[in-house]
N, C-alpha and C. Protein backbone atom coordinates (compact mmCIF):
# COMPACT_ATOMS: atom_id res chain seq x y z
N MET A 1 -8.19 -16.39 0.52
CA MET A 1 -7.83 -17.90 0.51
C MET A 1 -7.34 -18.21 2.18
N ASN A 2 -7.53 -19.37 2.62
CA ASN A 2 -7.29 -20.12 3.55
C ASN A 2 -5.96 -21.51 2.55
N ARG A 3 -4.51 -21.31 2.92
CA ARG A 3 -3.87 -21.98 2.18
C ARG A 3 -3.13 -22.95 3.95
N PRO A 4 -2.51 -24.44 3.26
CA PRO A 4 -1.99 -24.39 4.26
C PRO A 4 -0.16 -24.23 4.50
N ALA A 5 0.30 -25.03 5.53
CA ALA A 5 1.36 -24.30 5.98
C ALA A 5 2.27 -24.86 5.54
N PRO A 6 3.34 -24.02 4.92
CA PRO A 6 4.66 -24.38 4.72
C PRO A 6 4.97 -25.70 5.36
N VAL A 7 5.69 -26.94 4.04
CA VAL A 7 5.53 -28.29 4.94
C VAL A 7 7.53 -28.28 4.78
N GLU A 8 8.30 -28.70 5.36
CA GLU A 8 9.69 -28.82 5.86
C GLU A 8 10.51 -30.52 4.89
N ILE A 9 11.14 -30.63 4.85
CA ILE A 9 11.09 -31.86 4.56
C ILE A 9 13.41 -32.07 4.44
N SER A 10 13.57 -32.77 6.00
CA SER A 10 15.10 -32.65 5.31
C SER A 10 15.93 -34.44 4.53
N CYS A 11 16.80 -34.23 4.14
CA CYS A 11 16.88 -35.86 3.56
C CYS A 11 18.79 -35.45 3.90
N GLU A 12 19.30 -36.11 4.64
CA GLU A 12 21.19 -35.56 4.72
C GLU A 12 21.50 -34.39 4.89
N ASN A 13 22.34 -33.61 4.79
CA ASN A 13 22.12 -32.22 4.65
C ASN A 13 22.06 -31.43 3.74
N MET A 14 20.68 -31.66 3.06
CA MET A 14 19.16 -30.27 2.62
C MET A 14 17.97 -30.32 2.94
N ARG A 15 17.61 -29.23 2.73
CA ARG A 15 16.56 -29.18 3.55
C ARG A 15 15.86 -28.12 2.62
N PHE A 16 14.50 -29.15 2.08
CA PHE A 16 13.55 -28.20 1.44
C PHE A 16 12.12 -27.80 2.04
N LEU A 17 11.46 -26.62 1.67
CA LEU A 17 10.36 -26.01 1.97
C LEU A 17 9.54 -26.27 0.88
N ILE A 18 8.09 -26.84 0.97
CA ILE A 18 7.18 -26.97 -0.07
C ILE A 18 6.35 -26.12 0.94
N THR A 19 5.93 -24.84 -0.37
CA THR A 19 4.96 -23.66 0.30
C THR A 19 4.00 -23.63 -1.13
N HIS A 20 2.83 -23.30 -0.86
CA HIS A 20 2.05 -22.07 -1.94
C HIS A 20 2.49 -21.03 -2.54
N ASN A 21 2.48 -20.46 -4.03
CA ASN A 21 3.08 -19.79 -4.19
C ASN A 21 1.98 -18.51 -3.98
N PRO A 22 2.93 -16.86 -3.53
CA PRO A 22 1.86 -16.38 -3.41
C PRO A 22 0.85 -15.64 -3.94
N THR A 23 0.12 -15.08 -3.21
CA THR A 23 -0.19 -14.10 -4.29
C THR A 23 -0.01 -13.11 -4.28
N ASN A 24 -0.56 -11.74 -4.87
CA ASN A 24 -0.35 -10.32 -5.26
C ASN A 24 -0.73 -9.84 -3.82
N ALA A 25 -1.42 -10.31 -3.07
CA ALA A 25 -1.87 -9.50 -1.73
C ALA A 25 -0.74 -10.21 -0.15
N THR A 26 0.08 -11.39 -0.90
CA THR A 26 0.54 -11.38 0.08
C THR A 26 2.28 -11.83 -0.48
N LEU A 27 2.65 -11.34 -1.30
CA LEU A 27 3.68 -11.49 -2.09
C LEU A 27 4.70 -10.59 -0.79
N ASN A 28 4.43 -9.20 -0.28
CA ASN A 28 5.19 -8.32 0.33
C ASN A 28 5.54 -9.51 1.78
N LYS A 29 5.09 -10.01 1.97
CA LYS A 29 5.06 -11.42 3.27
C LYS A 29 5.95 -12.16 3.23
N PHE A 30 5.54 -12.64 1.91
CA PHE A 30 6.25 -14.28 1.20
C PHE A 30 7.70 -14.09 1.35
N PRO A 31 9.11 -12.67 1.52
CA PRO A 31 9.63 -13.61 1.96
C PRO A 31 10.49 -13.29 3.05
N GLU A 32 9.40 -12.39 3.70
CA GLU A 32 9.86 -12.90 5.30
C GLU A 32 10.04 -14.39 5.25
N LYS A 33 8.84 -15.25 4.94
CA LYS A 33 8.21 -15.87 5.82
C LYS A 33 9.35 -17.08 5.32
N LEU A 34 9.49 -16.84 4.24
CA LEU A 34 10.85 -18.00 3.62
C LEU A 34 11.88 -17.63 4.17
N LYS A 35 12.81 -16.19 4.71
CA LYS A 35 14.12 -15.85 5.75
C LYS A 35 13.45 -16.75 7.32
N LYS A 36 12.44 -17.04 7.63
CA LYS A 36 12.26 -17.69 8.78
C LYS A 36 12.94 -19.23 8.62
N TYR A 37 12.53 -19.99 8.17
CA TYR A 37 12.99 -20.83 6.95
C TYR A 37 14.46 -21.15 6.93
N GLY A 38 15.20 -19.83 7.00
CA GLY A 38 16.55 -20.40 6.51
C GLY A 38 16.51 -20.04 4.70
N VAL A 39 15.19 -19.74 4.28
CA VAL A 39 15.60 -20.32 2.35
C VAL A 39 16.47 -19.57 1.83
N THR A 40 17.69 -19.73 1.37
CA THR A 40 18.93 -19.00 0.09
C THR A 40 18.78 -19.23 -1.26
N THR A 41 17.74 -20.19 -1.51
CA THR A 41 17.32 -20.29 -3.13
C THR A 41 15.61 -20.71 -2.87
N LEU A 42 15.82 -20.61 -3.98
CA LEU A 42 14.05 -20.77 -3.45
C LEU A 42 13.92 -20.93 -5.67
N VAL A 43 12.64 -22.26 -5.64
CA VAL A 43 13.39 -23.02 -7.10
C VAL A 43 11.64 -23.25 -7.81
N ARG A 44 11.22 -21.83 -8.14
CA ARG A 44 9.41 -22.38 -8.28
C ARG A 44 9.47 -23.26 -9.96
N VAL A 45 8.79 -24.27 -9.15
CA VAL A 45 8.64 -25.30 -10.13
C VAL A 45 7.08 -25.19 -10.77
N CYS A 46 6.16 -23.69 -10.70
CA CYS A 46 5.33 -24.46 -11.56
C CYS A 46 5.16 -23.16 -12.21
N ASP A 47 4.15 -22.33 -13.29
CA ASP A 47 3.86 -20.84 -13.86
C ASP A 47 4.90 -20.06 -13.00
N ALA A 48 5.55 -19.40 -13.09
CA ALA A 48 5.50 -17.62 -12.52
C ALA A 48 4.38 -16.84 -12.61
N THR A 49 3.89 -16.58 -11.18
CA THR A 49 2.55 -15.99 -11.28
C THR A 49 3.09 -15.10 -10.47
N TYR A 50 4.29 -14.32 -9.75
CA TYR A 50 4.22 -13.64 -9.19
C TYR A 50 5.92 -12.83 -9.78
N ASP A 51 5.88 -11.51 -9.00
CA ASP A 51 6.89 -10.95 -9.51
C ASP A 51 8.55 -11.57 -9.00
N LYS A 52 9.40 -12.44 -8.86
CA LYS A 52 10.44 -12.07 -8.69
C LYS A 52 11.36 -11.27 -7.28
N ALA A 53 11.42 -9.86 -8.21
CA ALA A 53 11.97 -9.12 -7.35
C ALA A 53 12.30 -8.68 -5.70
N PRO A 54 10.48 -8.90 -5.45
CA PRO A 54 10.55 -8.27 -3.77
C PRO A 54 10.95 -9.67 -2.51
N VAL A 55 11.10 -10.94 -3.34
CA VAL A 55 11.98 -11.98 -3.05
C VAL A 55 13.55 -12.18 -3.28
N GLU A 56 13.82 -11.27 -4.80
CA GLU A 56 15.61 -11.59 -4.82
C GLU A 56 15.83 -10.26 -3.30
N LYS A 57 15.28 -8.66 -3.58
CA LYS A 57 15.91 -7.68 -2.92
C LYS A 57 16.11 -8.39 -1.67
N GLU A 58 15.38 -9.71 -0.69
CA GLU A 58 15.95 -10.31 0.61
C GLU A 58 16.76 -11.22 0.07
N GLY A 59 17.35 -11.18 -0.57
CA GLY A 59 18.58 -12.15 -1.04
C GLY A 59 18.81 -13.35 -1.30
N ILE A 60 17.11 -13.62 -1.21
CA ILE A 60 16.58 -14.87 -1.91
C ILE A 60 16.96 -15.09 -3.52
N HIS A 61 18.21 -16.29 -4.09
CA HIS A 61 18.53 -16.18 -5.07
C HIS A 61 17.14 -16.91 -5.53
N VAL A 62 15.90 -16.51 -6.76
CA VAL A 62 14.92 -17.64 -7.48
C VAL A 62 15.58 -18.53 -8.38
N LEU A 63 14.85 -19.54 -8.90
CA LEU A 63 15.60 -20.36 -10.09
C LEU A 63 14.03 -20.25 -10.39
N ASP A 64 13.61 -21.01 -11.67
CA ASP A 64 12.48 -21.03 -12.89
C ASP A 64 13.38 -22.32 -13.29
N CYS A 65 12.60 -23.61 -12.16
CA CYS A 65 12.38 -25.47 -12.32
C CYS A 65 12.15 -25.22 -14.52
N LYS A 66 10.68 -24.51 -14.45
CA LYS A 66 11.09 -24.67 -16.22
C LYS A 66 12.24 -24.18 -17.24
N GLU A 67 12.63 -22.99 -17.03
CA GLU A 67 13.54 -22.63 -17.23
C GLU A 67 14.93 -23.18 -17.40
N TYR A 68 15.13 -23.92 -16.45
CA TYR A 68 16.60 -24.55 -16.18
C TYR A 68 16.27 -26.36 -16.79
N ILE A 69 15.11 -26.73 -16.96
CA ILE A 69 14.78 -28.10 -17.85
C ILE A 69 15.32 -27.99 -19.09
N VAL A 70 14.39 -26.39 -19.58
CA VAL A 70 14.27 -26.55 -20.98
C VAL A 70 15.98 -26.19 -21.15
N ASN A 71 16.89 -25.34 -20.61
CA ASN A 71 17.97 -24.86 -20.97
C ASN A 71 19.22 -25.84 -21.01
N ARG A 72 18.80 -27.05 -19.76
CA ARG A 72 19.12 -28.27 -20.27
C ARG A 72 19.37 -29.13 -20.67
N SER A 73 18.14 -29.08 -21.14
CA SER A 73 17.58 -29.86 -22.77
C SER A 73 18.14 -29.79 -24.21
N ASN A 74 18.67 -28.67 -23.99
CA ASN A 74 19.17 -28.00 -25.22
C ASN A 74 21.11 -28.61 -25.08
N MET A 75 21.42 -27.80 -23.60
CA MET A 75 22.13 -28.08 -23.72
C MET A 75 23.00 -29.72 -23.93
N GLY A 76 21.41 -30.55 -24.18
CA GLY A 76 21.87 -31.69 -23.96
C GLY A 76 21.35 -32.18 -25.56
N SER A 77 20.71 -31.88 -26.15
CA SER A 77 20.63 -31.95 -27.74
C SER A 77 22.14 -31.11 -28.35
N ASP A 78 22.28 -30.41 -27.86
CA ASP A 78 23.48 -29.68 -28.44
C ASP A 78 25.33 -30.51 -28.15
N LYS A 79 24.96 -31.08 -26.37
CA LYS A 79 26.30 -32.18 -26.80
C LYS A 79 26.28 -33.88 -27.84
N SER A 80 24.84 -34.01 -27.92
CA SER A 80 25.23 -34.58 -28.69
C SER A 80 24.30 -34.84 -30.30
N THR A 81 24.26 -33.57 -30.51
CA THR A 81 24.39 -33.52 -32.51
C THR A 81 26.17 -33.19 -32.44
N ALA A 82 27.30 -32.51 -30.82
CA ALA A 82 28.47 -32.70 -31.83
C ALA A 82 29.51 -33.24 -31.56
N SER A 83 28.47 -34.93 -30.85
CA SER A 83 29.42 -35.63 -30.78
C SER A 83 30.16 -36.89 -31.79
């Protein structure tokens, strides 16, 4: 499958790299590509379709956006109930 090249976006002192998620066949090269762009944190915004261990093994922190949003919304509801 032919996938578009990654797109880099800069905003003030932040940089974002938009990529497709890797397939099982390309997972072994994915961390290498991320490191070429200087990625230190990867935020997965889609369902997790690949094992994050190979990426983390290369020193790249992986966050799952859906998990983060659910945790934050649960924290918010706890706070509002406690008030």
